[in-house]
Structure formats: structure tokens, C-alpha cells
Amino acid sequence: MRIAGSILVGVILYLFGFFTSSMAVTANAWAFSDGELNDTGLVAVLLLFLVWGLVFLRHRWPWVPFVAGGLLTAGWGDALMLLIAVFHLVVRAPRRQAITASAVGTGLIAFSTVRMCLAPAEHNPFSIFFLPDPAQVTGLEATIPPEDAHLAIRIITVAAGVIGLCTALGVGALLRRTRKMRAVESIAEREALRNESLTAEIARQSERELLARELHDTLSHRLSVISLHTGALEVGARTDPEVAATASALREEARASMEDLRHLVGGVRRGDLARPRPGHGISSPPSRATMSAIPELISSVASTGTVIRPLVVIQDVDSCPPALDRAAFRIVQEALTNAMKHAPNVPVTVDVAVSAARGIQIAVSNPLPRGSAPVDVPPRPRYAPGSAREPGAGAPAQKWGPPGTSPVPHGAHLASTGSGSGIVGIRERAEMFGGDASIGVIGNEFHVQVSFRSFSPPN
């Protein structure tokens, strides 16, 4: 729309400019012979078709019509193209160029105006308005206006030059100032947005600092106490190698947890939790939440005495989206934690298969302890897509249990040592990435099965 409008304005200027330049031919005595337009004048008028085509370059190359307009003003007596070029240079050109164009244009128009006023009245283009008989114009004859019209012709000539020059310079300067103010407003808006972004970043940094302090103050003391107690247990149980080994593993896990906490606190403060850090050996938790660290995670759990039966086949981890990679690791971690918490001293089977073509398949299962009550599995979140129902506040949880078991009072089931948020977190992570999660008792085993669709390697 803007381009079409510019072209339309250019066509109007082209037609009007050609008309005014054709009228200005009367200012050139060489274009007439015996009062009629000669061949030279006719060729000059025809050349005006080409010269006024330069008006379409006024936006991109305003100096081209400026030069052509200057030649027309000095040698032809028509200053319209020069005024158009001066207007666009004042609006768009750098300050020094705009001042130069204004000064040169003013000088050329003053020179042309003085020349018109000093020339005979019959060679002034404005004399056409004072001809006694308009029929004489049809033959393009150079007629002589009345003597009493000479002063009016000169006044009109001066007024036309002054009005045209003031309009070009004044309107051009006004539009230049408007464009500058818009640019300043745009810069001010960007700075305001930048300040808002910095303010929000400072607020987030303050929140991270507060969270980091709370994490450190809350967990650091507890982990330190656990490490001291396990160290004392290890020293006091030298006569029992099994207890000493378990205490040593617990102390190592407590030490590794302290290092993980320091990494977590530092990452929260800096906002770069994904940054890797050096590993801590095969008996310590993984240093980064990625599927590549699942074998390390299994070794860490096995070092506590838990029997793990792993079958892990991991491929194309580098092509997996980082968020999905982290979620899969957390699902395996939470499933193992759930097994150790609710079914201690029983073997845990871990099957993990990862490939870009077949996706991610995770299966963690363990036998139910003997005499265990039905397992209370938290229901699907009410916002989970595909939920069979939306439990409200106080809705009973879904019960899973082997045949022949009877419900027991709340608090006597295996989840009494936890809040059940781990299973909910597994489901949430699965649904977040479009996966499927099946959690519950099948036969006499508790199963956590999660699958994600295939992921394509990045190009």
C-alpha cells in the first residue's frame, strides 16, 4: 500500500512537472524563431519526458533529481524538480548534506528568480496569465503582455520562488523533526523494555539467592548430621563387615549429596543448573541429570546393598532434546528411590531402552514385600489429559493390591513414609513430553512403566 501510494504521487509529480517545464519554455529565447517554437525548442520539450522520469528516484537517490533540477532551474527557468529534491534531502539526508542542499537550492532559486525578473516580460512563464487574448497560446507564440502587467508578473515570480522554497524547507524540516522524534521514542521504548527486563532479572536473582540460602540452611545441616552419624557407625561396627560397608556407603552418599547440594545452590544463584561438573566416582550420584548417567545412578543405588537387575541399552542420547533427556533420568531416579523406600531388601529390575527411532522405554519393577498392605497409588492429576475422571478435594486414591488383600486404615500402607508426590511427578513428566505412564501393582509386583515416542536427531 505504501509503495502504491509512492508510485501514485510520483506519477502526479511527473505529469504536473512536465506541464510546468513546458510552460517554462517561454523563458528561453533560443527555443523560438519568429514567435514560434523551433526544432531546438521542440527537442528540448521532448527531452523533458526523460528528465522528469528522474522524479521517481527522489526517495532512494535524491541527489539525482537535485542535480537535474538545478540544471533546469539555472538554464530553463523551472525550479519545481529542484524544490522536490531539496524537500526529500531535508527530510532524509544527513544533517550536513541537508544543509548543503538547502543552501545550494536557495542560491539557484534566487538566481533564477532574479533572472526572470530582469528578463523581458514576454520571456517570463507567468506572463501567460496576462495575455490579452488566450487564443494566442494555442500556437505557442511568444506574445508581449501589457505594460501595466509587468510589475504584477515580477511580483508573482518572486512570490512563487519564496513560497516554493519556504514550503520545501519548512515542511521538510518539520517532517525531519517528526521522524527524529519517532526514532527517539522508539529508542526510549527499547530502553524501557530493557530496564523492565533488568528489573525482572534482578528480582529473579533475589529470589534465586533466597532459595539458595534456604536450600543450604535447611539441607546442609541435616546432611552433615547424617554424615557424622554414619561415620561413627562405620567406626563402631568394625566387627561387622556388612554393617561397616553399609555405613561407609551411606557416608559416601551423604558426602556426595553435600557436593550435589553445593552444586545446586551455586547453580540456583547463577541460573546455570545445566552446567556440568566433574564426576565423583562410581559410588557417588551422577553429576548431571542425563540418560548417559543412568548406569552411574544404578551403581550408586547398588552400593547401598540394594540388589539391582539392570538391562540398559542407551543410544542417540546426544540427539535427544535436553529437557526430555533430563526428565527420563529423573523418572528412573524417582522409580529407584520409590523402590528403596517402600520395598527395602528386595531386588529391583530396571529395564531402559533408548534410541532415536524407537523412543524411550523405561520399566522399573520390584516384588511386593511379604504381608504388605495394598499400595496407595496417587490418582492422575485433575489437569492430566486423558484422565478417566477428575478427582476433587478429598477424592479417594486408587488402590492396588494383590488378590485377597483387604484395605487397611490410611497411614498403614507402604506410602506412609512418603507423600506420594514422586509418582505424581513421574506422571507429570511423562505427560509433559507426550509420553505414557503406567504405575501400579501387576500380580505380586509393583511396576513403573513409562514410554516416550521417537525423537529425531537435530539436522
Protein backbone atom coordinates (compact mmCIF):
# COMPACT_ATOMS: atom_id res chain seq x y z
CA MET A 1 0.00 0.00 0.00
CA ARG A 2 2.82 2.37 0.85
CA ILE A 3 4.65 1.55 -2.38
CA ALA A 4 1.48 2.07 -4.42
CA GLY A 5 0.94 5.46 -2.79
CA SER A 6 4.53 6.49 -3.53
CA ILE A 7 4.14 5.49 -7.18
CA LEU A 8 0.86 7.41 -7.46
CA VAL A 9 2.46 10.56 -6.02
CA GLY A 10 5.37 10.10 -8.42
CA VAL A 11 3.01 9.92 -11.42
CA ILE A 12 1.21 13.10 -10.31
CA LEU A 13 4.52 14.93 -9.86
CA TYR A 14 5.71 13.67 -13.23
CA LEU A 15 2.65 14.99 -15.10
CA PHE A 16 2.48 18.29 -13.24
CA GLY A 17 6.25 18.82 -13.52
CA PHE A 18 6.24 18.16 -17.26
CA PHE A 19 3.42 20.68 -17.63
CA THR A 20 5.25 23.41 -15.67
CA SER A 21 8.52 22.76 -17.51
CA SER A 22 6.69 23.00 -20.84
CA MET A 23 5.26 26.34 -19.73
CA ALA A 24 8.75 27.50 -18.74
CA VAL A 25 9.97 27.08 -22.30
CA THR A 26 8.84 30.66 -22.93
CA ALA A 27 11.74 31.83 -20.74
CA ASN A 28 14.22 30.66 -23.37
CA ALA A 29 14.51 32.87 -26.45
CA TRP A 30 16.60 30.27 -28.25
CA ALA A 31 13.60 27.94 -28.35
CA PHE A 32 11.63 30.31 -30.63
CA SER A 33 12.05 31.63 -34.14
CA ASP A 34 9.78 34.43 -35.33
CA GLY A 35 7.49 33.88 -32.36
CA GLU A 36 7.06 30.15 -32.96
CA LEU A 37 8.65 27.09 -31.33
CA ASN A 38 11.60 25.96 -33.45
CA ASP A 39 13.09 22.49 -33.82
CA THR A 40 15.56 23.02 -30.99
CA GLY A 41 12.78 24.01 -28.61
CA LEU A 42 10.69 21.03 -29.69
CA VAL A 43 13.56 18.62 -28.99
CA ALA A 44 14.10 20.26 -25.59
CA VAL A 45 10.42 19.83 -24.74
CA LEU A 46 10.57 16.16 -25.76
CA LEU A 47 13.65 15.66 -23.57
CA LEU A 48 11.57 16.79 -20.63
CA PHE A 49 9.78 13.42 -20.79
CA LEU A 50 13.06 11.72 -19.87
CA VAL A 51 14.27 14.33 -17.42
CA TRP A 52 11.09 14.21 -15.34
CA GLY A 53 11.40 10.44 -15.11
CA LEU A 54 14.13 11.13 -12.54
CA VAL A 55 11.42 12.24 -10.09
CA PHE A 56 10.81 8.55 -9.30
CA LEU A 57 14.32 8.40 -7.78
CA ARG A 58 13.50 11.05 -5.19
CA HIS A 59 13.33 8.55 -2.29
CA ARG A 60 16.36 6.38 -2.92
CA TRP A 61 18.74 8.73 -4.75
CA PRO A 62 17.51 12.29 -4.11
CA TRP A 63 20.78 13.81 -5.34
CA VAL A 64 19.99 12.69 -8.91
CA PRO A 65 16.81 14.81 -9.26
CA PHE A 66 18.61 17.54 -7.30
CA VAL A 67 21.32 17.85 -9.96
CA ALA A 68 18.77 17.66 -12.79
CA GLY A 69 16.56 20.18 -11.04
CA GLY A 70 19.50 22.52 -10.53
CA LEU A 71 20.24 22.47 -14.27
CA LEU A 72 16.58 23.12 -15.09
CA THR A 73 16.48 25.98 -12.61
CA ALA A 74 19.63 27.70 -13.85
CA GLY A 75 19.20 27.14 -17.57
CA TRP A 76 15.50 26.56 -18.15
CA GLY A 77 13.75 28.65 -15.55
CA ASP A 78 11.78 25.81 -13.89
CA ALA A 79 12.60 25.14 -10.21
CA LEU A 80 9.91 22.55 -9.37
CA MET A 81 12.18 19.48 -9.61
CA LEU A 82 14.83 21.25 -7.56
CA LEU A 83 12.28 22.03 -4.83
CA ILE A 84 11.13 18.39 -4.78
CA ALA A 85 14.71 17.17 -4.41
CA VAL A 86 15.52 19.73 -1.70
CA PHE A 87 12.43 18.62 0.23
CA HIS A 88 13.47 14.95 0.22
CA LEU A 89 17.09 15.75 1.08
CA VAL A 90 15.99 17.86 4.05
CA VAL A 91 13.77 15.02 5.26
CA ARG A 92 16.11 12.06 4.75
CA ALA A 93 19.71 13.13 4.16
CA PRO A 94 22.30 13.56 6.92
CA ARG A 95 22.39 16.95 8.54
CA ARG A 96 25.41 18.25 6.62
CA GLN A 97 24.04 17.12 3.27
CA ALA A 98 20.63 18.63 4.07
CA ILE A 99 22.23 21.98 4.91
CA THR A 100 24.33 21.88 1.73
CA ALA A 101 21.32 21.03 -0.43
CA SER A 102 19.26 23.80 1.20
CA ALA A 103 21.97 26.41 0.66
CA VAL A 104 22.65 25.42 -2.96
CA GLY A 105 18.93 25.16 -3.73
CA THR A 106 18.24 28.57 -2.19
CA GLY A 107 21.03 30.15 -4.25
CA LEU A 108 19.84 28.58 -7.52
CA ILE A 109 16.23 29.61 -6.94
CA ALA A 110 17.28 33.17 -6.04
CA PHE A 111 19.42 33.33 -9.19
CA SER A 112 16.56 32.03 -11.36
CA THR A 113 14.07 34.44 -9.78
CA VAL A 114 16.33 37.45 -10.34
CA ARG A 115 16.97 36.34 -13.93
CA MET A 116 13.24 36.04 -14.58
CA CYS A 117 12.56 39.45 -13.12
CA LEU A 118 15.28 41.13 -15.21
CA ALA A 119 14.35 39.34 -18.43
CA PRO A 120 11.73 40.82 -20.79
CA ALA A 121 8.17 40.17 -19.65
CA GLU A 122 7.37 38.08 -22.73
CA HIS A 123 10.03 35.54 -21.63
CA ASN A 124 8.52 35.07 -18.15
CA PRO A 125 6.40 31.90 -17.84
CA PHE A 126 3.89 33.76 -15.65
CA SER A 127 3.14 36.22 -18.43
CA ILE A 128 0.70 33.68 -19.86
CA PHE A 129 -1.79 34.76 -17.20
CA PHE A 130 -1.74 38.35 -18.52
CA LEU A 131 -2.15 37.81 -22.26
CA PRO A 132 -4.93 39.89 -23.71
CA ASP A 133 -6.23 37.04 -25.88
CA PRO A 134 -5.83 33.43 -24.57
CA ALA A 135 -6.36 32.12 -28.09
CA GLN A 136 -2.81 33.16 -28.93
CA VAL A 137 -1.43 30.46 -26.62
CA THR A 138 -2.61 27.61 -28.80
CA GLY A 139 0.06 28.29 -31.35
CA LEU A 140 2.80 28.63 -28.71
CA GLU A 141 3.52 32.19 -29.88
CA ALA A 142 5.64 34.48 -27.78
CA THR A 143 3.39 37.43 -27.14
CA ILE A 144 4.07 40.61 -25.25
CA PRO A 145 1.84 41.24 -22.19
CA PRO A 146 0.54 44.77 -21.49
CA GLU A 147 2.90 47.29 -19.90
CA ASP A 148 0.75 47.63 -16.77
CA ALA A 149 1.12 43.84 -16.08
CA HIS A 150 4.92 43.82 -15.89
CA LEU A 151 5.01 44.66 -12.16
CA ALA A 152 2.40 42.01 -11.34
CA ILE A 153 4.37 39.42 -13.31
CA ARG A 154 7.52 40.18 -11.32
CA ILE A 155 5.64 40.08 -8.02
CA ILE A 156 4.15 36.68 -8.89
CA THR A 157 7.60 35.42 -9.90
CA VAL A 158 9.15 36.45 -6.58
CA ALA A 159 6.17 35.14 -4.60
CA ALA A 160 6.28 31.78 -6.39
CA GLY A 161 10.01 31.37 -5.64
CA VAL A 162 9.67 32.38 -1.98
CA ILE A 163 6.56 30.28 -1.33
CA GLY A 164 8.02 27.23 -3.08
CA LEU A 165 11.34 27.48 -1.26
CA CYS A 166 9.75 28.08 2.16
CA THR A 167 7.33 25.20 1.65
CA ALA A 168 10.08 22.78 0.67
CA LEU A 169 12.39 23.79 3.52
CA GLY A 170 9.71 24.28 6.20
CA VAL A 171 7.68 21.14 5.58
CA GLY A 172 10.87 19.13 5.06
CA ALA A 173 12.32 20.33 8.38
CA LEU A 174 9.04 19.57 10.16
CA LEU A 175 8.92 16.02 8.80
CA ARG A 176 12.61 15.56 9.62
CA ARG A 177 11.93 16.59 13.21
CA THR A 178 8.92 14.26 13.36
CA ARG A 179 10.98 11.32 12.11
CA LYS A 180 13.68 12.14 14.64
CA MET A 181 11.14 12.28 17.47
CA ARG A 182 9.73 8.92 16.40
CA ALA A 183 13.23 7.46 16.41
CA VAL A 184 13.84 8.88 19.89
CA GLU A 185 10.54 7.43 21.10
CA SER A 186 11.46 4.06 19.64
CA ILE A 187 14.81 4.15 21.43
CA ALA A 188 13.08 5.20 24.65
CA GLU A 189 10.65 2.28 24.34
CA ARG A 190 13.51 -0.16 23.80
CA GLU A 191 15.33 1.25 26.81
CA ALA A 192 12.17 0.99 28.90
CA LEU A 193 11.76 -2.65 27.88
CA ARG A 194 15.43 -3.25 28.66
CA ASN A 195 15.01 -1.64 32.08
CA GLU A 196 11.95 -3.78 32.76
CA SER A 197 13.88 -6.86 31.72
CA LEU A 198 16.78 -5.91 34.00
CA THR A 199 14.37 -5.24 36.86
CA ALA A 200 12.75 -8.62 36.37
CA GLU A 201 16.19 -10.27 36.18
CA ILE A 202 17.22 -8.58 39.44
CA ALA A 203 14.01 -9.79 41.07
CA ARG A 204 14.64 -13.32 39.81
CA GLN A 205 18.21 -13.12 41.06
CA SER A 206 16.96 -12.08 44.50
CA GLU A 207 14.53 -14.99 44.50
CA ARG A 208 17.32 -17.36 43.49
CA GLU A 209 19.52 -16.02 46.27
CA LEU A 210 16.73 -16.53 48.81
CA LEU A 211 16.02 -20.04 47.52
CA ALA A 212 19.73 -20.91 47.56
CA ARG A 213 20.07 -19.73 51.17
CA GLU A 214 17.02 -21.72 52.24
CA LEU A 215 18.28 -24.85 50.49
CA HIS A 216 21.70 -24.52 52.05
CA ASP A 217 20.49 -23.69 55.55
CA THR A 218 17.81 -26.40 55.56
CA LEU A 219 19.60 -29.35 54.00
CA SER A 220 23.24 -28.71 54.75
CA HIS A 221 22.81 -29.25 58.49
CA ARG A 222 20.78 -32.42 58.07
CA LEU A 223 23.25 -33.96 55.61
CA SER A 224 26.16 -33.05 57.85
CA VAL A 225 24.48 -34.79 60.82
CA ILE A 226 23.80 -37.88 58.67
CA SER A 227 27.43 -37.96 57.57
CA LEU A 228 28.69 -37.71 61.17
CA HIS A 229 26.35 -40.46 62.39
CA THR A 230 27.23 -42.82 59.55
CA GLY A 231 30.92 -42.15 60.16
CA ALA A 232 30.50 -43.04 63.82
CA LEU A 233 28.52 -46.14 62.86
CA GLU A 234 31.26 -47.19 60.47
CA VAL A 235 33.91 -46.87 63.20
CA GLY A 236 31.79 -48.64 65.81
CA ALA A 237 30.84 -51.55 63.54
CA ARG A 238 34.30 -52.77 62.58
CA THR A 239 33.43 -56.20 63.89
CA ASP A 240 30.54 -56.48 61.44
CA PRO A 241 31.86 -56.02 57.90
CA GLU A 242 28.37 -55.84 56.37
CA VAL A 243 27.24 -53.03 58.67
CA ALA A 244 30.54 -51.23 58.18
CA ALA A 245 30.21 -51.46 54.41
CA THR A 246 26.65 -50.13 54.55
CA ALA A 247 27.69 -47.29 56.82
CA SER A 248 30.58 -46.46 54.52
CA ALA A 249 28.23 -46.36 51.55
CA LEU A 250 25.81 -44.13 53.45
CA ARG A 251 28.60 -41.78 54.47
CA GLU A 252 29.81 -41.63 50.87
CA GLU A 253 26.28 -40.87 49.69
CA ALA A 254 25.93 -38.15 52.32
CA ARG A 255 29.23 -36.61 51.21
CA ALA A 256 28.18 -36.77 47.55
CA SER A 257 24.82 -35.27 48.48
CA MET A 258 26.62 -32.37 50.14
CA GLU A 259 28.58 -31.79 46.95
CA ASP A 260 25.39 -32.02 44.91
CA LEU A 261 23.79 -29.50 47.26
CA ARG A 262 26.68 -27.10 46.80
CA HIS A 263 26.38 -27.51 43.02
CA LEU A 264 22.61 -26.97 43.25
CA VAL A 265 22.94 -23.87 45.43
CA GLY A 266 25.60 -22.41 43.14
CA GLY A 267 23.53 -23.22 40.05
CA VAL A 268 20.43 -21.61 41.55
CA ARG A 269 22.38 -18.47 42.33
CA ARG A 270 23.96 -18.27 38.89
CA GLY A 271 20.97 -19.63 36.97
CA ASP A 272 23.05 -22.33 35.19
CA LEU A 273 21.92 -25.60 36.71
CA ALA A 274 22.54 -27.39 33.42
CA ARG A 275 26.27 -26.71 33.59
CA PRO A 276 28.14 -30.00 34.10
CA ARG A 277 30.66 -30.52 36.85
CA PRO A 278 33.32 -33.18 37.47
CA GLY A 279 32.19 -36.66 38.46
CA HIS A 280 32.71 -38.17 41.88
CA GLY A 281 33.41 -41.82 41.18
CA ILE A 282 31.21 -44.80 40.60
CA SER A 283 29.69 -44.89 44.09
CA SER A 284 28.51 -41.26 44.07
CA PRO A 285 25.34 -39.95 42.44
CA PRO A 286 25.64 -38.71 38.86
CA SER A 287 27.00 -35.21 38.41
CA ARG A 288 24.44 -34.36 35.73
CA ALA A 289 20.84 -35.41 35.08
CA THR A 290 21.18 -37.16 31.74
CA MET A 291 20.33 -40.62 30.46
CA SER A 292 24.04 -41.24 29.93
CA ALA A 293 24.40 -41.21 33.72
CA ILE A 294 21.78 -43.92 34.36
CA PRO A 295 24.45 -46.68 34.74
CA GLU A 296 26.21 -44.45 37.26
CA LEU A 297 22.91 -43.95 39.09
CA ILE A 298 22.32 -47.72 39.22
CA SER A 299 25.82 -48.28 40.60
CA SER A 300 25.18 -45.66 43.26
CA VAL A 301 21.97 -47.40 44.37
CA ALA A 302 23.59 -50.82 44.25
CA SER A 303 26.37 -49.64 46.55
CA THR A 304 23.81 -49.27 49.35
CA GLY A 305 23.17 -53.03 49.30
CA THR A 306 20.07 -52.98 47.10
CA VAL A 307 20.06 -55.78 44.55
CA ILE A 308 19.64 -54.28 41.07
CA ARG A 309 18.95 -56.32 37.93
CA PRO A 310 19.69 -53.85 35.16
CA LEU A 311 19.20 -54.09 31.42
CA VAL A 312 20.22 -50.73 29.98
CA VAL A 313 20.63 -50.02 26.25
CA ILE A 314 21.13 -46.34 25.55
CA GLN A 315 21.73 -44.85 22.09
CA ASP A 316 21.41 -41.44 20.39
CA VAL A 317 21.44 -39.53 23.68
CA ASP A 318 23.19 -36.59 22.03
CA SER A 319 20.25 -36.17 19.62
CA CYS A 320 17.64 -36.24 22.39
CA PRO A 321 16.16 -32.87 23.44
CA PRO A 322 17.85 -31.78 26.69
CA ALA A 323 14.57 -31.37 28.59
CA LEU A 324 13.40 -34.88 27.65
CA ASP A 325 16.85 -36.28 28.48
CA ARG A 326 16.69 -34.76 31.95
CA ALA A 327 13.07 -35.90 32.50
CA ALA A 328 13.89 -39.53 31.62
CA PHE A 329 16.79 -39.57 34.07
CA ARG A 330 14.60 -38.14 36.84
CA ILE A 331 11.92 -40.76 36.19
CA VAL A 332 14.43 -43.59 36.62
CA GLN A 333 15.86 -41.90 39.70
CA GLU A 334 12.45 -41.45 41.33
CA ALA A 335 11.39 -45.02 40.49
CA LEU A 336 14.53 -46.40 42.19
CA THR A 337 14.01 -44.12 45.19
CA ASN A 338 10.41 -45.30 45.45
CA ALA A 339 11.52 -48.95 45.36
CA MET A 340 14.20 -48.49 48.05
CA LYS A 341 11.78 -46.56 50.27
CA HIS A 342 8.73 -48.83 50.08
CA ALA A 343 10.29 -52.24 49.36
CA PRO A 344 13.68 -52.44 51.07
CA ASN A 345 15.81 -55.56 50.83
CA VAL A 346 14.05 -56.80 47.69
CA PRO A 347 15.60 -56.97 44.22
CA VAL A 348 14.71 -54.23 41.73
CA THR A 349 14.57 -54.83 37.98
CA VAL A 350 15.49 -51.86 35.79
CA ASP A 351 14.97 -52.01 32.01
CA VAL A 352 15.87 -48.91 29.99
CA ALA A 353 15.95 -48.80 26.20
CA VAL A 354 16.72 -45.54 24.39
CA SER A 355 17.07 -44.85 20.69
CA ALA A 356 16.03 -42.06 18.36
CA ALA A 357 13.94 -44.41 16.20
CA ARG A 358 12.10 -46.29 18.96
CA GLY A 359 11.98 -43.59 21.60
CA ILE A 360 12.48 -44.12 25.33
CA GLN A 361 11.17 -47.16 27.20
CA ILE A 362 11.56 -47.30 30.99
CA ALA A 363 10.40 -50.17 33.20
CA VAL A 364 11.22 -50.46 36.92
CA SER A 365 9.65 -53.23 39.00
CA ASN A 366 10.09 -54.91 42.35
CA PRO A 367 8.27 -57.69 44.25
CA LEU A 368 5.90 -56.59 46.98
CA PRO A 369 7.22 -57.31 50.46
CA ARG A 370 5.52 -60.18 52.23
CA GLY A 371 2.47 -59.22 54.21
CA SER A 372 2.31 -55.77 52.67
CA ALA A 373 -0.95 -53.90 52.56
CA PRO A 374 -2.44 -52.57 49.32
CA VAL A 375 -0.28 -49.91 47.77
CA ASP A 376 -1.85 -46.45 47.68
CA VAL A 377 -1.05 -45.01 44.27
CA PRO A 378 -1.92 -41.31 43.93
CA PRO A 379 -4.52 -40.65 41.23
CA ARG A 380 -3.76 -38.84 37.99
CA PRO A 381 -3.72 -35.07 38.40
CA ARG A 382 -7.05 -33.45 37.62
CA TYR A 383 -5.48 -31.47 34.79
CA ALA A 384 -3.85 -34.50 33.19
CA PRO A 385 -5.10 -35.05 29.62
CA GLY A 386 -6.90 -38.32 29.08
CA SER A 387 -7.84 -38.76 32.72
CA ALA A 388 -10.73 -41.12 33.25
CA ARG A 389 -12.08 -38.85 35.99
CA GLU A 390 -11.14 -35.66 37.75
CA PRO A 391 -10.87 -36.30 41.47
CA GLY A 392 -11.77 -33.40 43.65
CA ALA A 393 -10.56 -32.50 47.07
CA GLY A 394 -10.67 -35.47 49.32
CA ALA A 395 -11.24 -37.95 46.47
CA PRO A 396 -10.07 -41.42 47.46
CA ALA A 397 -6.86 -42.63 45.94
CA GLN A 398 -6.76 -45.62 43.61
CA LYS A 399 -5.92 -48.86 45.46
CA TRP A 400 -3.67 -51.52 44.03
CA GLY A 401 -3.01 -54.79 45.76
CA PRO A 402 -2.59 -58.47 45.24
CA PRO A 403 -5.68 -60.67 45.22
CA GLY A 404 -7.01 -61.48 48.65
CA THR A 405 -5.71 -58.39 50.39
CA SER A 406 -8.09 -56.15 52.23
CA PRO A 407 -7.95 -52.39 52.68
CA VAL A 408 -6.24 -51.09 55.77
CA PRO A 409 -6.62 -47.78 57.55
CA HIS A 410 -4.97 -44.79 55.96
CA GLY A 411 -1.38 -44.48 57.07
CA ALA A 412 -0.69 -48.20 57.35
CA HIS A 413 0.22 -48.69 53.68
CA LEU A 414 3.66 -48.55 52.12
CA ALA A 415 3.40 -44.87 51.28
CA SER A 416 3.30 -43.89 54.92
CA THR A 417 6.94 -42.84 54.73
CA GLY A 418 6.35 -40.51 51.78
CA SER A 419 3.85 -38.05 50.36
CA GLY A 420 3.26 -39.84 47.06
CA SER A 421 4.49 -36.82 45.14
CA GLY A 422 7.18 -38.90 43.43
CA ILE A 423 4.64 -40.96 41.48
CA VAL A 424 2.72 -37.80 40.64
CA GLY A 425 5.97 -36.27 39.41
CA ILE A 426 6.63 -39.29 37.18
CA ARG A 427 3.19 -38.94 35.61
CA GLU A 428 3.58 -35.20 35.17
CA ARG A 429 6.94 -35.58 33.46
CA ALA A 430 5.57 -38.25 31.15
CA GLU A 431 2.52 -36.20 30.18
CA MET A 432 4.59 -33.05 29.76
CA PHE A 433 6.51 -34.66 26.88
CA GLY A 434 3.59 -36.61 25.41
CA GLY A 435 4.57 -39.94 26.94
CA ASP A 436 2.55 -42.69 28.61
CA ALA A 437 2.94 -43.73 32.26
CA SER A 438 1.52 -46.88 33.85
CA ILE A 439 2.10 -47.22 37.60
CA GLY A 440 0.64 -49.88 39.86
CA VAL A 441 0.63 -53.48 41.02
CA ILE A 442 0.58 -56.29 38.49
CA GLY A 443 0.37 -59.69 40.16
CA ASN A 444 2.71 -59.55 43.11
CA GLU A 445 5.00 -56.85 41.72
CA PHE A 446 4.88 -53.10 41.70
CA HIS A 447 5.61 -51.71 38.21
CA VAL A 448 6.55 -48.27 36.90
CA GLN A 449 6.39 -48.24 33.11
CA VAL A 450 6.97 -45.04 31.10
CA SER A 451 7.37 -44.71 27.36
CA PHE A 452 8.11 -41.73 25.09
CA ARG A 453 7.70 -41.60 21.34
CA SER A 454 10.67 -41.47 18.98
CA PHE A 455 12.71 -38.31 18.74
CA SER A 456 14.50 -37.14 15.62
CA PRO A 457 18.18 -36.19 15.72
CA PRO A 458 18.84 -32.49 15.03
CA ASN A 459 19.86 -31.52 11.49
